[in-house]
Amino acid sequence: MYAAIRRYEGVTDSAEAARIVNEGFVPLMRQVSGFVAYYWIDTGDGAMVSTSVFQNRAGADESISRAADFVRDNLASLLPNPPQVMAGEVVASA
């Protein structure tokens, strides 16, 4: 399995960002080949983190691309700063 993690800081409205992600982005993630799970986490203090899990690296890479496009087109005013992006193979899970 592979995961992609994106951390967004400077979030201007976490509740609205969560609504848009849940209604618009989650369905896009489910369409990516190898999809396993997606989580959107409000860490407080104007930061939110997304975690996408896929059966293969191609799915994780595609999720990063789709996230960039979705944020640009739908969330730019709520997520004004570029995210910190990390991705890699899941080497342990429970």
C-alpha atoms as a PDB file:
ATOM      1  CA  MET A   1       0.000   0.000   0.000  1.00  0.00           C
ATOM      2  CA  TYR A   2       0.984   3.616  -0.550  1.00  0.00           C
ATOM      3  CA  ALA A   3      -0.161   6.796   1.158  1.00  0.00           C
ATOM      4  CA  ALA A   4      -0.141  10.473   0.279  1.00  0.00           C
ATOM      5  CA  ILE A   5      -0.326  13.037   3.062  1.00  0.00           C
ATOM      6  CA  ARG A   6      -0.980  16.729   2.512  1.00  0.00           C
ATOM      7  CA  ARG A   7      -0.849  19.334   5.296  1.00  0.00           C
ATOM      8  CA  TYR A   8      -2.580  22.654   4.705  1.00  0.00           C
ATOM      9  CA  GLU A   9      -1.885  25.660   6.949  1.00  0.00           C
ATOM     10  CA  GLY A  10      -3.659  29.010   7.067  1.00  0.00           C
ATOM     11  CA  VAL A  11      -7.098  27.451   6.523  1.00  0.00           C
ATOM     12  CA  THR A  12      -9.634  30.279   6.634  1.00  0.00           C
ATOM     13  CA  ASP A  13     -12.808  28.233   7.310  1.00  0.00           C
ATOM     14  CA  SER A  14     -12.285  24.629   8.344  1.00  0.00           C
ATOM     15  CA  ALA A  15     -15.996  23.735   8.463  1.00  0.00           C
ATOM     16  CA  GLU A  16     -16.594  24.964   4.914  1.00  0.00           C
ATOM     17  CA  ALA A  17     -13.414  23.283   3.674  1.00  0.00           C
ATOM     18  CA  ALA A  18     -14.596  20.007   5.237  1.00  0.00           C
ATOM     19  CA  ARG A  19     -17.999  20.321   3.571  1.00  0.00           C
ATOM     20  CA  ILE A  20     -16.501  20.943   0.132  1.00  0.00           C
ATOM     21  CA  VAL A  21     -13.964  18.125   0.512  1.00  0.00           C
ATOM     22  CA  ASN A  22     -16.631  15.685   1.682  1.00  0.00           C
ATOM     23  CA  GLU A  23     -19.084  16.573  -1.087  1.00  0.00           C
ATOM     24  CA  GLY A  24     -16.651  17.092  -3.964  1.00  0.00           C
ATOM     25  CA  PHE A  25     -13.227  15.598  -3.374  1.00  0.00           C
ATOM     26  CA  VAL A  26     -14.074  12.340  -1.592  1.00  0.00           C
ATOM     27  CA  PRO A  27     -16.067  11.074  -4.605  1.00  0.00           C
ATOM     28  CA  LEU A  28     -13.059  11.858  -6.842  1.00  0.00           C
ATOM     29  CA  MET A  29     -10.747   9.838  -4.607  1.00  0.00           C
ATOM     30  CA  ARG A  30     -13.075   6.848  -4.695  1.00  0.00           C
ATOM     31  CA  GLN A  31     -12.713   6.795  -8.496  1.00  0.00           C
ATOM     32  CA  VAL A  32      -8.906   6.483  -8.411  1.00  0.00           C
ATOM     33  CA  SER A  33      -7.689   2.983  -9.211  1.00  0.00           C
ATOM     34  CA  GLY A  34      -6.469   1.138  -6.119  1.00  0.00           C
ATOM     35  CA  PHE A  35      -8.361   3.379  -3.656  1.00  0.00           C
ATOM     36  CA  VAL A  36      -8.352   2.081  -0.066  1.00  0.00           C
ATOM     37  CA  ALA A  37      -9.218   5.022   2.215  1.00  0.00           C
ATOM     38  CA  TYR A  38      -9.292   8.802   2.525  1.00  0.00           C
ATOM     39  CA  TYR A  39      -9.263  10.969   5.656  1.00  0.00           C
ATOM     40  CA  TRP A  40      -9.600  14.755   6.047  1.00  0.00           C
ATOM     41  CA  ILE A  41      -8.485  15.853   9.502  1.00  0.00           C
ATOM     42  CA  ASP A  42      -8.968  19.197  11.249  1.00  0.00           C
ATOM     43  CA  THR A  43      -5.904  19.508  13.486  1.00  0.00           C
ATOM     44  CA  GLY A  44      -6.979  22.898  14.828  1.00  0.00           C
ATOM     45  CA  ASP A  45      -5.160  26.224  14.748  1.00  0.00           C
ATOM     46  CA  GLY A  46      -5.936  26.728  11.044  1.00  0.00           C
ATOM     47  CA  ALA A  47      -4.375  23.481   9.845  1.00  0.00           C
ATOM     48  CA  MET A  48      -5.932  20.500   8.088  1.00  0.00           C
ATOM     49  CA  VAL A  49      -4.369  17.240   6.906  1.00  0.00           C
ATOM     50  CA  SER A  50      -5.514  14.798   4.266  1.00  0.00           C
ATOM     51  CA  THR A  51      -4.393  11.186   4.078  1.00  0.00           C
ATOM     52  CA  SER A  52      -5.079   9.092   0.994  1.00  0.00           C
ATOM     53  CA  VAL A  53      -4.300   5.358   0.975  1.00  0.00           C
ATOM     54  CA  PHE A  54      -4.027   3.266  -2.202  1.00  0.00           C
ATOM     55  CA  GLN A  55      -3.022  -0.248  -3.161  1.00  0.00           C
ATOM     56  CA  ASN A  56      -0.300   1.088  -5.453  1.00  0.00           C
ATOM     57  CA  ARG A  57       2.029   4.031  -5.975  1.00  0.00           C
ATOM     58  CA  ALA A  58       0.199   5.147  -9.134  1.00  0.00           C
ATOM     59  CA  GLY A  59      -2.980   5.752  -7.120  1.00  0.00           C
ATOM     60  CA  ALA A  60      -1.134   7.776  -4.493  1.00  0.00           C
ATOM     61  CA  ASP A  61       0.552   9.841  -7.204  1.00  0.00           C
ATOM     62  CA  GLU A  62      -2.763  10.443  -8.956  1.00  0.00           C
ATOM     63  CA  SER A  63      -4.334  11.565  -5.680  1.00  0.00           C
ATOM     64  CA  ILE A  64      -1.656  14.243  -5.323  1.00  0.00           C
ATOM     65  CA  SER A  65      -2.395  15.534  -8.814  1.00  0.00           C
ATOM     66  CA  ARG A  66      -6.163  15.466  -8.312  1.00  0.00           C
ATOM     67  CA  ALA A  67      -5.823  17.230  -4.958  1.00  0.00           C
ATOM     68  CA  ALA A  68      -3.814  20.074  -6.492  1.00  0.00           C
ATOM     69  CA  ASP A  69      -6.408  20.537  -9.236  1.00  0.00           C
ATOM     70  CA  PHE A  70      -9.341  20.341  -6.813  1.00  0.00           C
ATOM     71  CA  VAL A  71      -7.848  22.850  -4.393  1.00  0.00           C
ATOM     72  CA  ARG A  72      -7.030  25.253  -7.221  1.00  0.00           C
ATOM     73  CA  ASP A  73     -10.534  25.001  -8.672  1.00  0.00           C
ATOM     74  CA  ASN A  74     -12.650  24.761  -5.504  1.00  0.00           C
ATOM     75  CA  LEU A  75     -10.760  25.639  -2.327  1.00  0.00           C
ATOM     76  CA  ALA A  76      -8.202  28.329  -3.153  1.00  0.00           C
ATOM     77  CA  SER A  77      -9.821  30.951  -0.915  1.00  0.00           C
ATOM     78  CA  LEU A  78     -10.107  28.525   2.020  1.00  0.00           C
ATOM     79  CA  LEU A  79      -6.677  26.881   1.625  1.00  0.00           C
ATOM     80  CA  PRO A  80      -4.544  29.854   0.552  1.00  0.00           C
ATOM     81  CA  ASN A  81      -1.132  28.283   1.182  1.00  0.00           C
ATOM     82  CA  PRO A  82       0.442  25.433  -0.778  1.00  0.00           C
ATOM     83  CA  PRO A  83       0.412  22.170   1.174  1.00  0.00           C
ATOM     84  CA  GLN A  84       3.318  20.206   2.504  1.00  0.00           C
ATOM     85  CA  VAL A  85       3.090  16.948   0.537  1.00  0.00           C
ATOM     86  CA  MET A  86       4.562  13.606   1.541  1.00  0.00           C
ATOM     87  CA  ALA A  87       4.018  10.214  -0.053  1.00  0.00           C
ATOM     88  CA  GLY A  88       5.451   6.762   0.280  1.00  0.00           C
ATOM     89  CA  GLU A  89       4.983   3.093   0.864  1.00  0.00           C
ATOM     90  CA  VAL A  90       3.029   2.022   3.929  1.00  0.00           C
ATOM     91  CA  VAL A  91       5.440  -0.214   5.825  1.00  0.00           C
ATOM     92  CA  ALA A  92       3.265  -0.907   8.890  1.00  0.00           C
ATOM     93  CA  SER A  93      -0.467  -0.693   9.552  1.00  0.00           C
ATOM     94  CA  ALA A  94      -3.114  -1.889  11.977  1.00  0.00           C
END
